[in-house]
Amino acid sequence: MSGRLIVCPTPIGNLEDVTLRVLAALRDADVVACEDTRRTRVLLARYGGGAHLVSYHEHNETERAAELVRRMQEGAVVALVSDAGMPLVSDPGFELVRACVAAGLAVEVLPGPSAALAALVASALPSDRWRFVGFLPRKPGELEAAFASPETVVAFESPRRLAASLGVLAALDPERPVAVCRELTKAHEEVVRGSASELAARYAAAAPRGEVAVVVGGAPAAAPALAPALAALRRLVQAGAKPRPAAGVVAELTGVSANALYRALTETA
């Protein structure tokens, strides 16, 4: 079979979550590129397999990607795994996939565990539109921008930084719904749901342990500003327009309620 890359998601905690296709790919591959060979050996020891392992991590991605592409061009099948979950999703792998595509090599992606998806579903927050932002930004401005998304936001966060990040959100919108998902699929799995202010206080008092995913409800749409719309309505009325129809026109253009505009106009006349 011609050389190709197989992207293999691995369990995020419980080793029983690995798929049969992933196990077959790991057994049959000529090379398994691992974020940490020690972690991958634990999985292979559980299910059997003596694949040849090579390290592939953030510090050697470019060099190792070129080496693996050469091997695939010679006919080798390479399986790519990260320590947990789907490679490339806040894990190494992007350089290798991009290099394979540029070289015209086939890339096969197998489905499997994902902490981001598990957290999204467990959060009980809207999942029809959502954003994954990786690890939450550390800079306050970037963090506030992430929380300003109108879609549900899914992110990873360090346990020691969780309270501070939630504190920033609580200052912006104390009632924003949040779910903190800890140790997903593991023995001590926990999902805590509440408002930003409630959870900021909870984790300020006691930092969580283990791996954490945070799901934040989308930011509410900002109400259209009344003052500019009212000023435009006054100009139309002063130019001879009838208040009611003019309020309707301004409402269509600005999104401000026509009734609110008319009421404000008459109350300040």
C-alpha atoms as a PDB file:
ATOM      1  CA  MET A   1       0.000   0.000   0.000  1.00  0.00           C
ATOM      2  CA  SER A   2       1.327   3.469  -0.864  1.00  0.00           C
ATOM      3  CA  GLY A   3       2.770   5.679   1.836  1.00  0.00           C
ATOM      4  CA  ARG A   4       0.323   7.815   3.762  1.00  0.00           C
ATOM      5  CA  LEU A   5      -0.398   9.475   7.096  1.00  0.00           C
ATOM      6  CA  ILE A   6      -3.071   8.206   9.496  1.00  0.00           C
ATOM      7  CA  VAL A   7      -4.114  10.671  12.209  1.00  0.00           C
ATOM      8  CA  CYS A   8      -5.131   8.664  15.268  1.00  0.00           C
ATOM      9  CA  PRO A   9      -6.971  10.177  18.249  1.00  0.00           C
ATOM     10  CA  THR A  10      -6.197   8.449  21.532  1.00  0.00           C
ATOM     11  CA  PRO A  11      -8.108   8.277  24.853  1.00  0.00           C
ATOM     12  CA  ILE A  12      -8.260  11.473  26.911  1.00  0.00           C
ATOM     13  CA  GLY A  13      -8.294   9.443  30.111  1.00  0.00           C
ATOM     14  CA  ASN A  14     -10.007   6.069  30.035  1.00  0.00           C
ATOM     15  CA  LEU A  15      -7.965   3.690  27.864  1.00  0.00           C
ATOM     16  CA  GLU A  16     -11.120   1.772  26.937  1.00  0.00           C
ATOM     17  CA  ASP A  17     -12.195   4.710  24.765  1.00  0.00           C
ATOM     18  CA  VAL A  18      -9.709   3.856  22.007  1.00  0.00           C
ATOM     19  CA  THR A  19     -11.382   2.694  18.793  1.00  0.00           C
ATOM     20  CA  LEU A  20     -10.753  -0.575  16.981  1.00  0.00           C
ATOM     21  CA  ARG A  21      -9.662   1.338  13.870  1.00  0.00           C
ATOM     22  CA  VAL A  22      -7.057   3.268  15.837  1.00  0.00           C
ATOM     23  CA  LEU A  23      -5.671   0.072  17.374  1.00  0.00           C
ATOM     24  CA  ALA A  24      -5.459  -1.534  13.930  1.00  0.00           C
ATOM     25  CA  ALA A  25      -3.697   1.522  12.526  1.00  0.00           C
ATOM     26  CA  LEU A  26      -1.169   1.570  15.361  1.00  0.00           C
ATOM     27  CA  ARG A  27      -0.444  -2.139  14.945  1.00  0.00           C
ATOM     28  CA  ASP A  28      -0.085  -1.969  11.158  1.00  0.00           C
ATOM     29  CA  ALA A  29       1.823   1.302  10.775  1.00  0.00           C
ATOM     30  CA  ASP A  30       5.487   1.236   9.862  1.00  0.00           C
ATOM     31  CA  VAL A  31       6.119   4.211  12.136  1.00  0.00           C
ATOM     32  CA  VAL A  32       4.093   5.766  14.964  1.00  0.00           C
ATOM     33  CA  ALA A  33       4.912   9.439  15.548  1.00  0.00           C
ATOM     34  CA  CYS A  34       4.188  10.242  19.215  1.00  0.00           C
ATOM     35  CA  GLU A  35       4.098  13.400  21.271  1.00  0.00           C
ATOM     36  CA  ASP A  36       5.540  11.327  24.127  1.00  0.00           C
ATOM     37  CA  THR A  37       6.687   7.791  23.350  1.00  0.00           C
ATOM     38  CA  ARG A  38       6.262   6.806  27.003  1.00  0.00           C
ATOM     39  CA  ARG A  39       2.545   7.647  26.942  1.00  0.00           C
ATOM     40  CA  THR A  40       2.004   5.769  23.700  1.00  0.00           C
ATOM     41  CA  ARG A  41       3.827   2.692  25.009  1.00  0.00           C
ATOM     42  CA  VAL A  42       1.314   2.526  27.859  1.00  0.00           C
ATOM     43  CA  LEU A  43      -1.529   2.309  25.329  1.00  0.00           C
ATOM     44  CA  LEU A  44       0.268  -0.264  23.181  1.00  0.00           C
ATOM     45  CA  ALA A  45       1.159  -2.346  26.230  1.00  0.00           C
ATOM     46  CA  ARG A  46      -2.531  -2.489  27.146  1.00  0.00           C
ATOM     47  CA  TYR A  47      -3.669  -3.703  23.725  1.00  0.00           C
ATOM     48  CA  GLY A  48      -0.567  -5.233  22.210  1.00  0.00           C
ATOM     49  CA  GLY A  49       1.589  -4.065  19.372  1.00  0.00           C
ATOM     50  CA  GLY A  50       5.261  -3.452  18.795  1.00  0.00           C
ATOM     51  CA  ALA A  51       5.204  -0.535  16.394  1.00  0.00           C
ATOM     52  CA  HIS A  52       8.345   1.500  15.832  1.00  0.00           C
ATOM     53  CA  LEU A  53       7.891   4.742  17.785  1.00  0.00           C
ATOM     54  CA  VAL A  54       9.517   8.099  17.079  1.00  0.00           C
ATOM     55  CA  SER A  55       9.067  11.329  18.991  1.00  0.00           C
ATOM     56  CA  TYR A  56       7.123  14.131  17.343  1.00  0.00           C
ATOM     57  CA  HIS A  57       6.484  17.175  19.537  1.00  0.00           C
ATOM     58  CA  GLU A  58       6.412  20.971  19.457  1.00  0.00           C
ATOM     59  CA  HIS A  59      10.199  21.239  19.684  1.00  0.00           C
ATOM     60  CA  ASN A  60      11.042  19.028  16.688  1.00  0.00           C
ATOM     61  CA  GLU A  61       7.943  19.343  14.469  1.00  0.00           C
ATOM     62  CA  THR A  62       9.581  20.910  11.421  1.00  0.00           C
ATOM     63  CA  GLU A  63      12.624  18.632  11.300  1.00  0.00           C
ATOM     64  CA  ARG A  64      10.663  15.463  12.088  1.00  0.00           C
ATOM     65  CA  ALA A  65       7.902  16.315   9.605  1.00  0.00           C
ATOM     66  CA  ALA A  66      10.416  16.471   6.753  1.00  0.00           C
ATOM     67  CA  GLU A  67      11.890  13.131   7.810  1.00  0.00           C
ATOM     68  CA  LEU A  68       8.486  11.446   8.027  1.00  0.00           C
ATOM     69  CA  VAL A  69       7.382  12.827   4.671  1.00  0.00           C
ATOM     70  CA  ARG A  70      10.486  11.297   3.067  1.00  0.00           C
ATOM     71  CA  ARG A  71       9.644   7.940   4.613  1.00  0.00           C
ATOM     72  CA  MET A  72       6.045   8.125   3.356  1.00  0.00           C
ATOM     73  CA  GLN A  73       7.280   9.012  -0.124  1.00  0.00           C
ATOM     74  CA  GLU A  74       9.272   5.771   0.035  1.00  0.00           C
ATOM     75  CA  GLY A  75       6.073   3.866   0.859  1.00  0.00           C
ATOM     76  CA  ALA A  76       5.899   3.910   4.663  1.00  0.00           C
ATOM     77  CA  VAL A  77       2.607   4.239   6.534  1.00  0.00           C
ATOM     78  CA  VAL A  78       2.912   6.683   9.439  1.00  0.00           C
ATOM     79  CA  ALA A  79       0.422   6.895  12.305  1.00  0.00           C
ATOM     80  CA  LEU A  80       0.327  10.188  14.205  1.00  0.00           C
ATOM     81  CA  VAL A  81      -0.808  10.337  17.846  1.00  0.00           C
ATOM     82  CA  SER A  82      -0.669  12.935  20.600  1.00  0.00           C
ATOM     83  CA  ASP A  83      -0.683  12.250  24.327  1.00  0.00           C
ATOM     84  CA  ALA A  84      -4.490  12.419  24.445  1.00  0.00           C
ATOM     85  CA  GLY A  85      -7.332  13.261  22.105  1.00  0.00           C
ATOM     86  CA  MET A  86      -7.122  14.405  18.495  1.00  0.00           C
ATOM     87  CA  PRO A  87      -3.698  15.457  17.202  1.00  0.00           C
ATOM     88  CA  LEU A  88      -3.502  19.106  16.005  1.00  0.00           C
ATOM     89  CA  VAL A  89      -6.252  20.195  18.444  1.00  0.00           C
ATOM     90  CA  SER A  90      -4.028  22.095  20.909  1.00  0.00           C
ATOM     91  CA  ASP A  91      -1.470  19.353  20.196  1.00  0.00           C
ATOM     92  CA  PRO A  92       1.364  18.843  17.671  1.00  0.00           C
ATOM     93  CA  GLY A  93       0.637  17.646  14.157  1.00  0.00           C
ATOM     94  CA  PHE A  94      -0.148  20.681  12.019  1.00  0.00           C
ATOM     95  CA  GLU A  95       3.307  20.857  10.415  1.00  0.00           C
ATOM     96  CA  LEU A  96       3.179  17.180   9.460  1.00  0.00           C
ATOM     97  CA  VAL A  97      -0.315  17.293   7.986  1.00  0.00           C
ATOM     98  CA  ARG A  98       0.530  20.430   6.015  1.00  0.00           C
ATOM     99  CA  ALA A  99       3.751  18.886   4.738  1.00  0.00           C
ATOM    100  CA  CYS A 100       1.914  15.734   3.630  1.00  0.00           C
ATOM    101  CA  VAL A 101      -0.697  17.748   1.745  1.00  0.00           C
ATOM    102  CA  ALA A 102       2.028  19.823   0.059  1.00  0.00           C
ATOM    103  CA  ALA A 103       3.816  16.622  -0.985  1.00  0.00           C
ATOM    104  CA  GLY A 104       0.623  15.094  -2.392  1.00  0.00           C
ATOM    105  CA  LEU A 105       0.503  12.331   0.218  1.00  0.00           C
ATOM    106  CA  ALA A 106      -2.786  10.891   1.445  1.00  0.00           C
ATOM    107  CA  VAL A 107      -3.939  11.934   4.914  1.00  0.00           C
ATOM    108  CA  GLU A 108      -6.506   9.716   6.651  1.00  0.00           C
ATOM    109  CA  VAL A 109      -8.148  11.045   9.836  1.00  0.00           C
ATOM    110  CA  LEU A 110      -9.781   8.559  12.180  1.00  0.00           C
ATOM    111  CA  PRO A 111     -12.581   9.646  14.548  1.00  0.00           C
ATOM    112  CA  GLY A 112     -12.193   9.312  18.273  1.00  0.00           C
ATOM    113  CA  PRO A 113     -12.043  10.979  21.697  1.00  0.00           C
ATOM    114  CA  SER A 114     -11.955  14.760  21.997  1.00  0.00           C
ATOM    115  CA  ALA A 115     -11.971  16.659  25.288  1.00  0.00           C
ATOM    116  CA  ALA A 116     -13.388  19.743  23.575  1.00  0.00           C
ATOM    117  CA  LEU A 117     -16.433  17.879  22.230  1.00  0.00           C
ATOM    118  CA  ALA A 118     -16.999  15.964  25.455  1.00  0.00           C
ATOM    119  CA  ALA A 119     -16.938  19.202  27.449  1.00  0.00           C
ATOM    120  CA  LEU A 120     -19.273  20.976  25.029  1.00  0.00           C
ATOM    121  CA  VAL A 121     -21.901  18.241  25.276  1.00  0.00           C
ATOM    122  CA  ALA A 122     -21.555  17.884  29.056  1.00  0.00           C
ATOM    123  CA  SER A 123     -21.899  21.636  29.599  1.00  0.00           C
ATOM    124  CA  ALA A 124     -25.606  21.712  28.659  1.00  0.00           C
ATOM    125  CA  LEU A 125     -24.903  25.008  26.861  1.00  0.00           C
ATOM    126  CA  PRO A 126     -25.946  25.694  23.243  1.00  0.00           C
ATOM    127  CA  SER A 127     -23.958  23.525  20.845  1.00  0.00           C
ATOM    128  CA  ASP A 128     -25.422  24.530  17.481  1.00  0.00           C
ATOM    129  CA  ARG A 129     -22.773  27.262  17.092  1.00  0.00           C
ATOM    130  CA  TRP A 130     -19.563  27.195  19.096  1.00  0.00           C
ATOM    131  CA  ARG A 131     -15.893  28.165  19.013  1.00  0.00           C
ATOM    132  CA  PHE A 132     -12.835  26.319  20.251  1.00  0.00           C
ATOM    133  CA  VAL A 133     -10.074  28.718  21.294  1.00  0.00           C
ATOM    134  CA  GLY A 134      -7.450  26.282  22.587  1.00  0.00           C
ATOM    135  CA  PHE A 135      -5.963  27.405  25.893  1.00  0.00           C
ATOM    136  CA  LEU A 136      -7.472  30.644  27.167  1.00  0.00           C
ATOM    137  CA  PRO A 137      -5.269  33.680  26.418  1.00  0.00           C
ATOM    138  CA  ARG A 138      -3.238  35.130  29.258  1.00  0.00           C
ATOM    139  CA  LYS A 139      -3.346  38.761  28.182  1.00  0.00           C
ATOM    140  CA  PRO A 140      -6.443  40.479  29.652  1.00  0.00           C
ATOM    141  CA  GLY A 141      -7.473  42.120  26.374  1.00  0.00           C
ATOM    142  CA  GLU A 142      -7.273  38.853  24.428  1.00  0.00           C
ATOM    143  CA  LEU A 143      -9.105  37.025  27.198  1.00  0.00           C
ATOM    144  CA  GLU A 144     -11.925  39.571  27.189  1.00  0.00           C
ATOM    145  CA  ALA A 145     -12.136  39.287  23.389  1.00  0.00           C
ATOM    146  CA  ALA A 146     -12.525  35.495  23.670  1.00  0.00           C
ATOM    147  CA  PHE A 147     -15.346  35.927  26.174  1.00  0.00           C
ATOM    148  CA  ALA A 148     -17.062  38.460  23.867  1.00  0.00           C
ATOM    149  CA  SER A 149     -17.881  35.750  21.315  1.00  0.00           C
ATOM    150  CA  PRO A 150     -21.619  35.434  20.580  1.00  0.00           C
ATOM    151  CA  GLU A 151     -21.148  31.666  20.232  1.00  0.00           C
ATOM    152  CA  THR A 152     -20.517  29.170  23.013  1.00  0.00           C
ATOM    153  CA  VAL A 153     -16.777  29.116  23.724  1.00  0.00           C
ATOM    154  CA  VAL A 154     -14.871  25.916  24.540  1.00  0.00           C
ATOM    155  CA  ALA A 155     -11.349  26.234  25.928  1.00  0.00           C
ATOM    156  CA  PHE A 156      -8.691  24.496  27.963  1.00  0.00           C
ATOM    157  CA  GLU A 157      -7.279  26.134  31.077  1.00  0.00           C
ATOM    158  CA  SER A 158      -4.606  25.489  33.669  1.00  0.00           C
ATOM    159  CA  PRO A 159      -6.095  24.642  37.095  1.00  0.00           C
ATOM    160  CA  ARG A 160      -3.973  27.336  38.754  1.00  0.00           C
ATOM    161  CA  ARG A 161      -5.196  30.013  36.322  1.00  0.00           C
ATOM    162  CA  LEU A 162      -8.859  29.016  36.261  1.00  0.00           C
ATOM    163  CA  ALA A 163     -10.041  31.319  39.075  1.00  0.00           C
ATOM    164  CA  ALA A 164      -8.313  34.364  37.560  1.00  0.00           C
ATOM    165  CA  SER A 165      -9.769  33.720  34.093  1.00  0.00           C
ATOM    166  CA  LEU A 166     -13.257  33.244  35.497  1.00  0.00           C
ATOM    167  CA  GLY A 167     -12.756  36.401  37.534  1.00  0.00           C
ATOM    168  CA  VAL A 168     -12.204  38.374  34.328  1.00  0.00           C
ATOM    169  CA  LEU A 169     -15.433  36.936  32.903  1.00  0.00           C
ATOM    170  CA  ALA A 170     -17.341  37.650  36.139  1.00  0.00           C
ATOM    171  CA  ALA A 171     -16.246  41.303  35.968  1.00  0.00           C
ATOM    172  CA  LEU A 172     -17.591  41.531  32.418  1.00  0.00           C
ATOM    173  CA  ASP A 173     -20.792  39.535  32.898  1.00  0.00           C
ATOM    174  CA  PRO A 174     -21.358  37.967  36.336  1.00  0.00           C
ATOM    175  CA  GLU A 175     -24.420  35.996  35.220  1.00  0.00           C
ATOM    176  CA  ARG A 176     -22.836  34.393  32.134  1.00  0.00           C
ATOM    177  CA  PRO A 177     -23.398  30.613  32.260  1.00  0.00           C
ATOM    178  CA  VAL A 178     -20.232  28.526  32.590  1.00  0.00           C
ATOM    179  CA  ALA A 179     -19.380  24.851  32.916  1.00  0.00           C
ATOM    180  CA  VAL A 180     -16.037  23.685  34.283  1.00  0.00           C
ATOM    181  CA  CYS A 181     -15.296  20.120  33.146  1.00  0.00           C
ATOM    182  CA  ARG A 182     -12.524  18.401  35.054  1.00  0.00           C
ATOM    183  CA  GLU A 183     -10.781  15.053  34.461  1.00  0.00           C
ATOM    184  CA  LEU A 184     -13.185  14.005  31.704  1.00  0.00           C
ATOM    185  CA  THR A 185     -13.558  10.206  31.270  1.00  0.00           C
ATOM    186  CA  LYS A 186     -11.357   9.587  34.321  1.00  0.00           C
ATOM    187  CA  ALA A 187     -12.254   8.192  37.737  1.00  0.00           C
ATOM    188  CA  HIS A 188     -12.692  11.658  39.275  1.00  0.00           C
ATOM    189  CA  GLU A 189     -14.605  13.258  36.398  1.00  0.00           C
ATOM    190  CA  GLU A 190     -16.552  16.330  37.492  1.00  0.00           C
ATOM    191  CA  VAL A 191     -18.727  18.865  35.671  1.00  0.00           C
ATOM    192  CA  VAL A 192     -19.647  21.995  37.643  1.00  0.00           C
ATOM    193  CA  ARG A 193     -22.198  24.374  36.115  1.00  0.00           C
ATOM    194  CA  GLY A 194     -23.103  27.854  37.319  1.00  0.00           C
ATOM    195  CA  SER A 195     -22.728  31.574  36.712  1.00  0.00           C
ATOM    196  CA  ALA A 196     -19.359  33.202  36.122  1.00  0.00           C
ATOM    197  CA  SER A 197     -19.458  34.892  39.513  1.00  0.00           C
ATOM    198  CA  GLU A 198     -20.377  31.665  41.333  1.00  0.00           C
ATOM    199  CA  LEU A 199     -17.632  29.610  39.733  1.00  0.00           C
ATOM    200  CA  ALA A 200     -15.018  32.369  40.020  1.00  0.00           C
ATOM    201  CA  ALA A 201     -15.644  32.447  43.779  1.00  0.00           C
ATOM    202  CA  ARG A 202     -15.669  28.639  44.045  1.00  0.00           C
ATOM    203  CA  TYR A 203     -12.296  28.169  42.377  1.00  0.00           C
ATOM    204  CA  ALA A 204     -10.734  31.199  44.044  1.00  0.00           C
ATOM    205  CA  ALA A 205     -11.423  29.435  47.349  1.00  0.00           C
ATOM    206  CA  ALA A 206     -10.045  26.090  46.159  1.00  0.00           C
ATOM    207  CA  ALA A 207      -8.238  25.512  42.876  1.00  0.00           C
ATOM    208  CA  PRO A 208      -9.276  22.351  41.008  1.00  0.00           C
ATOM    209  CA  ARG A 209      -6.928  19.480  40.256  1.00  0.00           C
ATOM    210  CA  GLY A 210      -6.285  17.722  36.980  1.00  0.00           C
ATOM    211  CA  GLU A 211      -7.048  18.665  33.406  1.00  0.00           C
ATOM    212  CA  VAL A 212      -9.721  21.330  32.926  1.00  0.00           C
ATOM    213  CA  ALA A 213     -11.939  22.313  30.006  1.00  0.00           C
ATOM    214  CA  VAL A 214     -14.120  25.409  30.314  1.00  0.00           C
ATOM    215  CA  VAL A 215     -17.325  26.039  28.383  1.00  0.00           C
ATOM    216  CA  VAL A 216     -18.739  29.578  28.393  1.00  0.00           C
ATOM    217  CA  GLY A 217     -22.139  30.618  27.120  1.00  0.00           C
ATOM    218  CA  GLY A 218     -22.158  33.112  24.246  1.00  0.00           C
ATOM    219  CA  ALA A 219     -22.110  36.804  25.005  1.00  0.00           C
ATOM    220  CA  PRO A 220     -25.554  38.440  24.777  1.00  0.00           C
ATOM    221  CA  ALA A 221     -26.084  40.715  21.809  1.00  0.00           C
ATOM    222  CA  ALA A 222     -25.490  44.330  22.667  1.00  0.00           C
ATOM    223  CA  ALA A 223     -28.634  46.454  22.623  1.00  0.00           C
ATOM    224  CA  PRO A 224     -28.576  49.072  19.839  1.00  0.00           C
ATOM    225  CA  ALA A 225     -27.712  52.538  21.139  1.00  0.00           C
ATOM    226  CA  LEU A 226     -30.825  54.672  21.609  1.00  0.00           C
ATOM    227  CA  ALA A 227     -29.189  58.115  21.560  1.00  0.00           C
ATOM    228  CA  PRO A 228     -27.905  58.145  17.935  1.00  0.00           C
ATOM    229  CA  ALA A 229     -31.160  56.663  16.649  1.00  0.00           C
ATOM    230  CA  LEU A 230     -33.211  59.241  18.576  1.00  0.00           C
ATOM    231  CA  ALA A 231     -31.064  62.071  17.184  1.00  0.00           C
ATOM    232  CA  ALA A 232     -31.711  60.819  13.652  1.00  0.00           C
ATOM    233  CA  LEU A 233     -35.446  60.634  14.348  1.00  0.00           C
ATOM    234  CA  ARG A 234     -35.481  64.234  15.638  1.00  0.00           C
ATOM    235  CA  ARG A 235     -33.777  65.430  12.450  1.00  0.00           C
ATOM    236  CA  LEU A 236     -36.389  63.708  10.316  1.00  0.00           C
ATOM    237  CA  VAL A 237     -39.248  65.195  12.324  1.00  0.00           C
ATOM    238  CA  GLN A 238     -37.675  68.666  12.187  1.00  0.00           C
ATOM    239  CA  ALA A 239     -37.470  68.256   8.408  1.00  0.00           C
ATOM    240  CA  GLY A 240     -41.221  67.668   8.293  1.00  0.00           C
ATOM    241  CA  ALA A 241     -41.617  63.895   8.659  1.00  0.00           C
ATOM    242  CA  LYS A 242     -44.459  62.514  10.770  1.00  0.00           C
ATOM    243  CA  PRO A 243     -43.119  61.016  14.031  1.00  0.00           C
ATOM    244  CA  ARG A 244     -44.708  57.565  13.834  1.00  0.00           C
ATOM    245  CA  PRO A 245     -43.638  56.647  10.277  1.00  0.00           C
ATOM    246  CA  ALA A 246     -40.225  58.226  10.822  1.00  0.00           C
ATOM    247  CA  ALA A 247     -39.713  56.145  13.966  1.00  0.00           C
ATOM    248  CA  GLY A 248     -40.458  53.035  11.930  1.00  0.00           C
ATOM    249  CA  VAL A 249     -37.873  53.958   9.280  1.00  0.00           C
ATOM    250  CA  VAL A 250     -35.178  54.687  11.869  1.00  0.00           C
ATOM    251  CA  ALA A 251     -36.000  51.444  13.663  1.00  0.00           C
ATOM    252  CA  GLU A 252     -35.441  49.440  10.473  1.00  0.00           C
ATOM    253  CA  LEU A 253     -32.072  51.118   9.922  1.00  0.00           C
ATOM    254  CA  THR A 254     -30.755  50.923  13.491  1.00  0.00           C
ATOM    255  CA  GLY A 255     -32.473  47.987  15.164  1.00  0.00           C
ATOM    256  CA  VAL A 256     -33.823  50.182  17.968  1.00  0.00           C
ATOM    257  CA  SER A 257     -37.480  49.555  18.790  1.00  0.00           C
ATOM    258  CA  ALA A 258     -39.846  51.939  16.951  1.00  0.00           C
ATOM    259  CA  ASN A 259     -42.021  52.191  20.057  1.00  0.00           C
ATOM    260  CA  ALA A 260     -39.004  53.044  22.210  1.00  0.00           C
ATOM    261  CA  LEU A 261     -37.963  55.735  19.756  1.00  0.00           C
ATOM    262  CA  TYR A 262     -41.426  57.284  19.558  1.00  0.00           C
ATOM    263  CA  ARG A 263     -41.822  57.200  23.329  1.00  0.00           C
ATOM    264  CA  ALA A 264     -38.416  58.822  23.862  1.00  0.00           C
ATOM    265  CA  LEU A 265     -39.247  61.473  21.270  1.00  0.00           C
ATOM    266  CA  THR A 266     -42.557  62.424  22.872  1.00  0.00           C
ATOM    267  CA  GLU A 267     -41.148  62.365  26.417  1.00  0.00           C
ATOM    268  CA  THR A 268     -38.370  64.796  25.494  1.00  0.00           C
ATOM    269  CA  ALA A 269     -40.406  67.016  23.184  1.00  0.00           C
END
